[in-house]
Amino acid sequence: TISIVSPADGSFVAKTSNVTISANATDNIGVNRVEFSINGGIDCTDFSTPYTCTFKATGRVGSTFTIMVTAYDKAGNKASQTINLTSN
């Protein structure tokens, strides 16, 4: 399973700020890796807890960031969660 701990879905982030995404991932076999995708591109891969990724919120005020976090287990199975953020 995967769950994004922070930031919350629908949050506003300051334009040009560094945003840290935190996630919890669990699996009965063991988590192999967690990938963080911002607007469709993989920005970070984390192999151990705590699972985090930091990105810079660039763009204009009102820009939307779609964050998808995907956890992979050692057997190749995966689970994902997606949130959206808006710059202000």
PDB file of N, CA and C in Angstrom:
ATOM      1  N   THR A   1       0.841  -1.184   0.000  1.00  0.00           N
ATOM      2  CA  THR A   1       0.000   0.000   0.000  1.00  0.00           C
ATOM      3  C   THR A   1       0.882   1.243   0.000  1.00  0.00           C
ATOM      4  N   ILE A   2       0.328   2.320  -0.485  1.00  0.00           N
ATOM      5  CA  ILE A   2       1.031   3.607  -0.516  1.00  0.00           C
ATOM      6  C   ILE A   2       0.071   4.683  -0.062  1.00  0.00           C
ATOM      7  N   SER A   3       0.559   5.633   0.712  1.00  0.00           N
ATOM      8  CA  SER A   3      -0.251   6.801   1.069  1.00  0.00           C
ATOM      9  C   SER A   3       0.661   8.008   1.169  1.00  0.00           C
ATOM     10  N   ILE A   4       0.226   9.094   0.550  1.00  0.00           N
ATOM     11  CA  ILE A   4       0.979  10.342   0.615  1.00  0.00           C
ATOM     12  C   ILE A   4       0.615  11.011   1.930  1.00  0.00           C
ATOM     13  N   VAL A   5       1.618  11.250   2.758  1.00  0.00           N
ATOM     14  CA  VAL A   5       1.422  11.830   4.079  1.00  0.00           C
ATOM     15  C   VAL A   5       1.328  13.350   3.995  1.00  0.00           C
ATOM     16  N   SER A   6       2.200  13.953   3.213  1.00  0.00           N
ATOM     17  CA  SER A   6       2.173  15.402   3.035  1.00  0.00           C
ATOM     18  C   SER A   6       2.846  15.745   1.710  1.00  0.00           C
ATOM     19  N   PRO A   7       2.418  16.831   1.092  1.00  0.00           N
ATOM     20  CA  PRO A   7       1.330  17.725   1.482  1.00  0.00           C
ATOM     21  C   PRO A   7      -0.027  17.097   1.183  1.00  0.00           C
ATOM     22  N   ALA A   8      -1.057  17.707   1.710  1.00  0.00           N
ATOM     23  CA  ALA A   8      -2.422  17.212   1.504  1.00  0.00           C
ATOM     24  C   ALA A   8      -2.896  17.534   0.085  1.00  0.00           C
ATOM     25  N   ASP A   9      -3.745  16.667  -0.447  1.00  0.00           N
ATOM     26  CA  ASP A   9      -4.341  16.890  -1.760  1.00  0.00           C
ATOM     27  C   ASP A   9      -5.075  18.219  -1.763  1.00  0.00           C
ATOM     28  N   GLY A  10      -4.856  19.012  -2.814  1.00  0.00           N
ATOM     29  CA  GLY A  10      -5.522  20.301  -2.945  1.00  0.00           C
ATOM     30  C   GLY A  10      -4.801  21.448  -2.250  1.00  0.00           C
ATOM     31  N   SER A  11      -3.639  21.184  -1.672  1.00  0.00           N
ATOM     32  CA  SER A  11      -2.882  22.225  -0.971  1.00  0.00           C
ATOM     33  C   SER A  11      -2.349  23.271  -1.934  1.00  0.00           C
ATOM     34  N   PHE A  12      -2.093  24.438  -1.377  1.00  0.00           N
ATOM     35  CA  PHE A  12      -1.424  25.508  -2.099  1.00  0.00           C
ATOM     36  C   PHE A  12       0.019  25.548  -1.642  1.00  0.00           C
ATOM     37  N   VAL A  13       0.939  25.740  -2.592  1.00  0.00           N
ATOM     38  CA  VAL A  13       2.364  25.838  -2.276  1.00  0.00           C
ATOM     39  C   VAL A  13       2.880  27.162  -2.821  1.00  0.00           C
ATOM     40  N   ALA A  14       3.829  27.739  -2.116  1.00  0.00           N
ATOM     41  CA  ALA A  14       4.377  29.024  -2.540  1.00  0.00           C
ATOM     42  C   ALA A  14       5.165  28.857  -3.835  1.00  0.00           C
ATOM     43  N   LYS A  15       4.924  29.770  -4.777  1.00  0.00           N
ATOM     44  CA  LYS A  15       5.649  29.760  -6.041  1.00  0.00           C
ATOM     45  C   LYS A  15       7.141  29.880  -5.741  1.00  0.00           C
ATOM     46  N   THR A  16       7.947  29.111  -6.413  1.00  0.00           N
ATOM     47  CA  THR A  16       9.407  29.015  -6.298  1.00  0.00           C
ATOM     48  C   THR A  16       9.884  28.408  -4.970  1.00  0.00           C
ATOM     49  N   SER A  17       8.988  27.801  -4.208  1.00  0.00           N
ATOM     50  CA  SER A  17       9.414  27.161  -2.960  1.00  0.00           C
ATOM     51  C   SER A  17       9.836  25.724  -3.206  1.00  0.00           C
ATOM     52  N   ASN A  18      10.611  25.184  -2.278  1.00  0.00           N
ATOM     53  CA  ASN A  18      10.939  23.760  -2.300  1.00  0.00           C
ATOM     54  C   ASN A  18       9.825  23.030  -1.565  1.00  0.00           C
ATOM     55  N   VAL A  19       9.252  22.032  -2.210  1.00  0.00           N
ATOM     56  CA  VAL A  19       8.137  21.268  -1.651  1.00  0.00           C
ATOM     57  C   VAL A  19       8.620  19.841  -1.392  1.00  0.00           C
ATOM     58  N   THR A  20       8.461  19.375  -0.160  1.00  0.00           N
ATOM     59  CA  THR A  20       8.840  18.007   0.173  1.00  0.00           C
ATOM     60  C   THR A  20       7.591  17.141   0.228  1.00  0.00           C
ATOM     61  N   ILE A  21       7.624  16.048  -0.528  1.00  0.00           N
ATOM     62  CA  ILE A  21       6.542  15.069  -0.545  1.00  0.00           C
ATOM     63  C   ILE A  21       6.985  13.907   0.338  1.00  0.00           C
ATOM     64  N   SER A  22       6.122  13.505   1.256  1.00  0.00           N
ATOM     65  CA  SER A  22       6.408  12.370   2.135  1.00  0.00           C
ATOM     66  C   SER A  22       5.347  11.303   1.926  1.00  0.00           C
ATOM     67  N   ALA A  23       5.766  10.043   1.900  1.00  0.00           N
ATOM     68  CA  ALA A  23       4.836   8.944   1.684  1.00  0.00           C
ATOM     69  C   ALA A  23       5.173   7.775   2.602  1.00  0.00           C
ATOM     70  N   ASN A  24       4.134   7.015   2.939  1.00  0.00           N
ATOM     71  CA  ASN A  24       4.291   5.757   3.661  1.00  0.00           C
ATOM     72  C   ASN A  24       3.985   4.628   2.685  1.00  0.00           C
ATOM     73  N   ALA A  25       4.816   3.598   2.701  1.00  0.00           N
ATOM     74  CA  ALA A  25       4.598   2.435   1.847  1.00  0.00           C
ATOM     75  C   ALA A  25       4.847   1.174   2.664  1.00  0.00           C
ATOM     76  N   THR A  26       3.952   0.193   2.512  1.00  0.00           N
ATOM     77  CA  THR A  26       4.112  -1.084   3.199  1.00  0.00           C
ATOM     78  C   THR A  26       3.752  -2.217   2.243  1.00  0.00           C
ATOM     79  N   ASP A  27       4.318  -3.382   2.509  1.00  0.00           N
ATOM     80  CA  ASP A  27       4.036  -4.562   1.705  1.00  0.00           C
ATOM     81  C   ASP A  27       4.410  -5.791   2.519  1.00  0.00           C
ATOM     82  N   ASN A  28       3.652  -6.869   2.368  1.00  0.00           N
ATOM     83  CA  ASN A  28       3.942  -8.078   3.133  1.00  0.00           C
ATOM     84  C   ASN A  28       5.241  -8.758   2.694  1.00  0.00           C
ATOM     85  N   ILE A  29       5.702  -8.507   1.469  1.00  0.00           N
ATOM     86  CA  ILE A  29       6.960  -9.057   0.979  1.00  0.00           C
ATOM     87  C   ILE A  29       8.111  -8.085   1.225  1.00  0.00           C
ATOM     88  N   GLY A  30       7.825  -6.811   1.186  1.00  0.00           N
ATOM     89  CA  GLY A  30       8.827  -5.764   1.360  1.00  0.00           C
ATOM     90  C   GLY A  30       8.771  -4.787   0.207  1.00  0.00           C
ATOM     91  N   VAL A  31       8.957  -3.520   0.512  1.00  0.00           N
ATOM     92  CA  VAL A  31       8.947  -2.460  -0.496  1.00  0.00           C
ATOM     93  C   VAL A  31      10.329  -2.403  -1.145  1.00  0.00           C
ATOM     94  N   ASN A  32      10.353  -2.433  -2.463  1.00  0.00           N
ATOM     95  CA  ASN A  32      11.606  -2.357  -3.210  1.00  0.00           C
ATOM     96  C   ASN A  32      12.016  -0.903  -3.437  1.00  0.00           C
ATOM     97  N   ARG A  33      11.040  -0.078  -3.878  1.00  0.00           N
ATOM     98  CA  ARG A  33      11.336   1.336  -4.136  1.00  0.00           C
ATOM     99  C   ARG A  33      10.040   2.121  -4.209  1.00  0.00           C
ATOM    100  N   VAL A  34      10.166   3.441  -4.065  1.00  0.00           N
ATOM    101  CA  VAL A  34       9.042   4.360  -4.217  1.00  0.00           C
ATOM    102  C   VAL A  34       9.469   5.431  -5.210  1.00  0.00           C
ATOM    103  N   GLU A  35       8.649   5.619  -6.263  1.00  0.00           N
ATOM    104  CA  GLU A  35       8.935   6.633  -7.281  1.00  0.00           C
ATOM    105  C   GLU A  35       7.967   7.802  -7.132  1.00  0.00           C
ATOM    106  N   PHE A  36       8.506   9.002  -7.291  1.00  0.00           N
ATOM    107  CA  PHE A  36       7.736  10.237  -7.195  1.00  0.00           C
ATOM    108  C   PHE A  36       7.724  10.889  -8.564  1.00  0.00           C
ATOM    109  N   SER A  37       6.530  11.070  -9.123  1.00  0.00           N
ATOM    110  CA  SER A  37       6.367  11.667 -10.434  1.00  0.00           C
ATOM    111  C   SER A  37       5.663  13.008 -10.280  1.00  0.00           C
ATOM    112  N   ILE A  38       6.262  14.058 -10.845  1.00  0.00           N
ATOM    113  CA  ILE A  38       5.658  15.383 -10.831  1.00  0.00           C
ATOM    114  C   ILE A  38       5.325  15.744 -12.271  1.00  0.00           C
ATOM    115  N   ASN A  39       4.036  15.946 -12.551  1.00  0.00           N
ATOM    116  CA  ASN A  39       3.544  16.293 -13.893  1.00  0.00           C
ATOM    117  C   ASN A  39       4.020  15.312 -14.965  1.00  0.00           C
ATOM    118  N   GLY A  40       4.060  14.029 -14.621  1.00  0.00           N
ATOM    119  CA  GLY A  40       4.334  13.000 -15.609  1.00  0.00           C
ATOM    120  C   GLY A  40       5.761  12.508 -15.721  1.00  0.00           C
ATOM    121  N   GLY A  41       6.714  13.213 -15.118  1.00  0.00           N
ATOM    122  CA  GLY A  41       8.107  12.763 -15.185  1.00  0.00           C
ATOM    123  C   GLY A  41       8.583  12.270 -13.838  1.00  0.00           C
ATOM    124  N   ILE A  42       9.356  11.194 -13.819  1.00  0.00           N
ATOM    125  CA  ILE A  42       9.865  10.679 -12.551  1.00  0.00           C
ATOM    126  C   ILE A  42      10.971  11.609 -12.062  1.00  0.00           C
ATOM    127  N   ASP A  43      10.733  12.222 -10.907  1.00  0.00           N
ATOM    128  CA  ASP A  43      11.681  13.173 -10.347  1.00  0.00           C
ATOM    129  C   ASP A  43      12.570  12.565  -9.275  1.00  0.00           C
ATOM    130  N   CYS A  44      12.060  11.587  -8.537  1.00  0.00           N
ATOM    131  CA  CYS A  44      12.832  10.983  -7.448  1.00  0.00           C
ATOM    132  C   CYS A  44      12.489   9.504  -7.347  1.00  0.00           C
ATOM    133  N   THR A  45      13.474   8.740  -6.900  1.00  0.00           N
ATOM    134  CA  THR A  45      13.261   7.349  -6.522  1.00  0.00           C
ATOM    135  C   THR A  45      13.921   7.167  -5.173  1.00  0.00           C
ATOM    136  N   ASP A  46      13.186   6.603  -4.214  1.00  0.00           N
ATOM    137  CA  ASP A  46      13.706   6.398  -2.863  1.00  0.00           C
ATOM    138  C   ASP A  46      13.613   4.913  -2.542  1.00  0.00           C
ATOM    139  N   PHE A  47      14.693   4.366  -1.981  1.00  0.00           N
ATOM    140  CA  PHE A  47      14.774   2.938  -1.717  1.00  0.00           C
ATOM    141  C   PHE A  47      14.623   2.577  -0.242  1.00  0.00           C
ATOM    142  N   SER A  48      14.468   3.586   0.625  1.00  0.00           N
ATOM    143  CA  SER A  48      14.340   3.284   2.060  1.00  0.00           C
ATOM    144  C   SER A  48      13.486   4.350   2.751  1.00  0.00           C
ATOM    145  N   THR A  49      12.912   3.950   3.880  1.00  0.00           N
ATOM    146  CA  THR A  49      12.096   4.880   4.650  1.00  0.00           C
ATOM    147  C   THR A  49      12.989   5.870   5.370  1.00  0.00           C
ATOM    148  N   PRO A  50      12.550   7.067   5.597  1.00  0.00           N
ATOM    149  CA  PRO A  50      11.265   7.620   5.155  1.00  0.00           C
ATOM    150  C   PRO A  50      11.312   7.937   3.662  1.00  0.00           C
ATOM    151  N   TYR A  51      10.220   7.684   2.957  1.00  0.00           N
ATOM    152  CA  TYR A  51      10.149   7.910   1.520  1.00  0.00           C
ATOM    153  C   TYR A  51       9.800   9.374   1.273  1.00  0.00           C
ATOM    154  N   THR A  52      10.746  10.123   0.687  1.00  0.00           N
ATOM    155  CA  THR A  52      10.540  11.553   0.457  1.00  0.00           C
ATOM    156  C   THR A  52      11.136  11.969  -0.888  1.00  0.00           C
ATOM    157  N   CYS A  53      10.642  13.111  -1.353  1.00  0.00           N
ATOM    158  CA  CYS A  53      11.151  13.741  -2.571  1.00  0.00           C
ATOM    159  C   CYS A  53      10.918  15.238  -2.442  1.00  0.00           C
ATOM    160  N   THR A  54      11.909  16.033  -2.829  1.00  0.00           N
ATOM    161  CA  THR A  54      11.764  17.485  -2.798  1.00  0.00           C
ATOM    162  C   THR A  54      11.873  18.020  -4.219  1.00  0.00           C
ATOM    163  N   PHE A  55      10.933  18.902  -4.585  1.00  0.00           N
ATOM    164  CA  PHE A  55      10.991  19.535  -5.896  1.00  0.00           C
ATOM    165  C   PHE A  55      10.724  21.022  -5.746  1.00  0.00           C
ATOM    166  N   LYS A  56      11.139  21.808  -6.740  1.00  0.00           N
ATOM    167  CA  LYS A  56      10.936  23.255  -6.724  1.00  0.00           C
ATOM    168  C   LYS A  56       9.657  23.580  -7.487  1.00  0.00           C
ATOM    169  N   ALA A  57       8.745  24.282  -6.822  1.00  0.00           N
ATOM    170  CA  ALA A  57       7.459  24.669  -7.422  1.00  0.00           C
ATOM    171  C   ALA A  57       7.696  25.867  -8.342  1.00  0.00           C
ATOM    172  N   THR A  58       7.961  25.585  -9.596  1.00  0.00           N
ATOM    173  CA  THR A  58       8.220  26.652 -10.566  1.00  0.00           C
ATOM    174  C   THR A  58       6.971  26.894 -11.409  1.00  0.00           C
ATOM    175  N   GLY A  59       6.957  28.015 -12.093  1.00  0.00           N
ATOM    176  CA  GLY A  59       5.817  28.347 -12.939  1.00  0.00           C
ATOM    177  C   GLY A  59       5.101  29.567 -12.418  1.00  0.00           C
ATOM    178  N   ARG A  60       3.973  29.841 -13.014  1.00  0.00           N
ATOM    179  CA  ARG A  60       3.184  31.012 -12.639  1.00  0.00           C
ATOM    180  C   ARG A  60       2.292  30.699 -11.453  1.00  0.00           C
ATOM    181  N   VAL A  61       1.816  31.762 -10.819  1.00  0.00           N
ATOM    182  CA  VAL A  61       0.803  31.602  -9.779  1.00  0.00           C
ATOM    183  C   VAL A  61      -0.396  30.913 -10.417  1.00  0.00           C
ATOM    184  N   GLY A  62      -0.925  29.917  -9.744  1.00  0.00           N
ATOM    185  CA  GLY A  62      -2.042  29.155 -10.275  1.00  0.00           C
ATOM    186  C   GLY A  62      -1.628  27.898 -11.029  1.00  0.00           C
ATOM    187  N   SER A  63      -0.304  27.691 -11.173  1.00  0.00           N
ATOM    188  CA  SER A  63       0.163  26.461 -11.823  1.00  0.00           C
ATOM    189  C   SER A  63      -0.255  25.256 -10.992  1.00  0.00           C
ATOM    190  N   THR A  64      -0.638  24.175 -11.676  1.00  0.00           N
ATOM    191  CA  THR A  64      -1.036  22.943 -10.992  1.00  0.00           C
ATOM    192  C   THR A  64       0.073  21.910 -11.121  1.00  0.00           C
ATOM    193  N   PHE A  65       0.315  21.199 -10.033  1.00  0.00           N
ATOM    194  CA  PHE A  65       1.297  20.123 -10.012  1.00  0.00           C
ATOM    195  C   PHE A  65       0.565  18.823  -9.681  1.00  0.00           C
ATOM    196  N   THR A  66       0.649  17.863 -10.578  1.00  0.00           N
ATOM    197  CA  THR A  66       0.068  16.546 -10.337  1.00  0.00           C
ATOM    198  C   THR A  66       1.185  15.646  -9.825  1.00  0.00           C
ATOM    199  N   ILE A  67       1.019  15.172  -8.605  1.00  0.00           N
ATOM    200  CA  ILE A  67       2.022  14.347  -7.942  1.00  0.00           C
ATOM    201  C   ILE A  67       1.488  12.917  -7.891  1.00  0.00           C
ATOM    202  N   MET A  68       2.234  11.974  -8.467  1.00  0.00           N
ATOM    203  CA  MET A  68       1.877  10.563  -8.358  1.00  0.00           C
ATOM    204  C   MET A  68       3.035   9.848  -7.674  1.00  0.00           C
ATOM    205  N   VAL A  69       2.708   9.113  -6.628  1.00  0.00           N
ATOM    206  CA  VAL A  69       3.703   8.337  -5.892  1.00  0.00           C
ATOM    207  C   VAL A  69       3.355   6.864  -6.076  1.00  0.00           C
ATOM    208  N   THR A  70       4.341   6.085  -6.508  1.00  0.00           N
ATOM    209  CA  THR A  70       4.129   4.668  -6.787  1.00  0.00           C
ATOM    210  C   THR A  70       5.127   3.831  -5.992  1.00  0.00           C
ATOM    211  N   ALA A  71       4.604   2.856  -5.255  1.00  0.00           N
ATOM    212  CA  ALA A  71       5.441   1.916  -4.501  1.00  0.00           C
ATOM    213  C   ALA A  71       5.489   0.596  -5.244  1.00  0.00           C
ATOM    214  N   TYR A  72       6.682   0.005  -5.333  1.00  0.00           N
ATOM    215  CA  TYR A  72       6.891  -1.283  -5.972  1.00  0.00           C
ATOM    216  C   TYR A  72       7.376  -2.271  -4.914  1.00  0.00           C
ATOM    217  N   ASP A  73       6.810  -3.484  -4.924  1.00  0.00           N
ATOM    218  CA  ASP A  73       7.317  -4.497  -4.002  1.00  0.00           C
ATOM    219  C   ASP A  73       8.373  -5.340  -4.709  1.00  0.00           C
ATOM    220  N   LYS A  74       8.955  -6.266  -3.978  1.00  0.00           N
ATOM    221  CA  LYS A  74      10.047  -7.074  -4.515  1.00  0.00           C
ATOM    222  C   LYS A  74       9.588  -8.051  -5.589  1.00  0.00           C
ATOM    223  N   ALA A  75       8.271  -8.285  -5.703  1.00  0.00           N
ATOM    224  CA  ALA A  75       7.728  -9.160  -6.741  1.00  0.00           C
ATOM    225  C   ALA A  75       7.330  -8.382  -7.994  1.00  0.00           C
ATOM    226  N   GLY A  76       7.468  -7.040  -7.965  1.00  0.00           N
ATOM    227  CA  GLY A  76       7.122  -6.224  -9.123  1.00  0.00           C
ATOM    228  C   GLY A  76       5.715  -5.658  -9.104  1.00  0.00           C
ATOM    229  N   ASN A  77       4.928  -5.970  -8.069  1.00  0.00           N
ATOM    230  CA  ASN A  77       3.588  -5.388  -7.941  1.00  0.00           C
ATOM    231  C   ASN A  77       3.723  -3.920  -7.560  1.00  0.00           C
ATOM    232  N   LYS A  78       2.690  -3.143  -7.865  1.00  0.00           N
ATOM    233  CA  LYS A  78       2.768  -1.719  -7.544  1.00  0.00           C
ATOM    234  C   LYS A  78       1.432  -1.177  -7.086  1.00  0.00           C
ATOM    235  N   ALA A  79       1.518  -0.075  -6.349  1.00  0.00           N
ATOM    236  CA  ALA A  79       0.334   0.665  -5.897  1.00  0.00           C
ATOM    237  C   ALA A  79       0.673   2.142  -6.013  1.00  0.00           C
ATOM    238  N   SER A  80      -0.319   2.962  -6.389  1.00  0.00           N
ATOM    239  CA  SER A  80      -0.087   4.390  -6.596  1.00  0.00           C
ATOM    240  C   SER A  80      -1.139   5.240  -5.917  1.00  0.00           C
ATOM    241  N   GLN A  81      -0.757   6.479  -5.635  1.00  0.00           N
ATOM    242  CA  GLN A  81      -1.696   7.492  -5.167  1.00  0.00           C
ATOM    243  C   GLN A  81      -1.320   8.803  -5.858  1.00  0.00           C
ATOM    244  N   THR A  82      -2.339   9.596  -6.197  1.00  0.00           N
ATOM    245  CA  THR A  82      -2.117  10.868  -6.888  1.00  0.00           C
ATOM    246  C   THR A  82      -2.779  11.997  -6.122  1.00  0.00           C
ATOM    247  N   ILE A  83      -2.076  13.132  -6.033  1.00  0.00           N
ATOM    248  CA  ILE A  83      -2.637  14.360  -5.468  1.00  0.00           C
ATOM    249  C   ILE A  83      -2.350  15.513  -6.403  1.00  0.00           C
ATOM    250  N   ASN A  84      -3.036  16.631  -6.197  1.00  0.00           N
ATOM    251  CA  ASN A  84      -2.788  17.842  -6.966  1.00  0.00           C
ATOM    252  C   ASN A  84      -2.474  18.992  -6.023  1.00  0.00           C
ATOM    253  N   LEU A  85      -1.500  19.817  -6.426  1.00  0.00           N
ATOM    254  CA  LEU A  85      -1.111  21.013  -5.685  1.00  0.00           C
ATOM    255  C   LEU A  85      -1.226  22.202  -6.615  1.00  0.00           C
ATOM    256  N   THR A  86      -1.409  23.403  -6.050  1.00  0.00           N
ATOM    257  CA  THR A  86      -1.497  24.627  -6.846  1.00  0.00           C
ATOM    258  C   THR A  86      -0.557  25.661  -6.250  1.00  0.00           C
ATOM    259  N   SER A  87       0.187  26.362  -7.116  1.00  0.00           N
ATOM    260  CA  SER A  87       1.106  27.400  -6.623  1.00  0.00           C
ATOM    261  C   SER A  87       0.349  28.698  -6.400  1.00  0.00           C
ATOM    262  N   ASN A  88       0.778  29.440  -5.372  1.00  0.00           N
ATOM    263  CA  ASN A  88       0.162  30.744  -5.092  1.00  0.00           C
ATOM    264  C   ASN A  88       1.218  31.790  -4.824  1.00  0.00           C
TER     265      ASN A  88
END
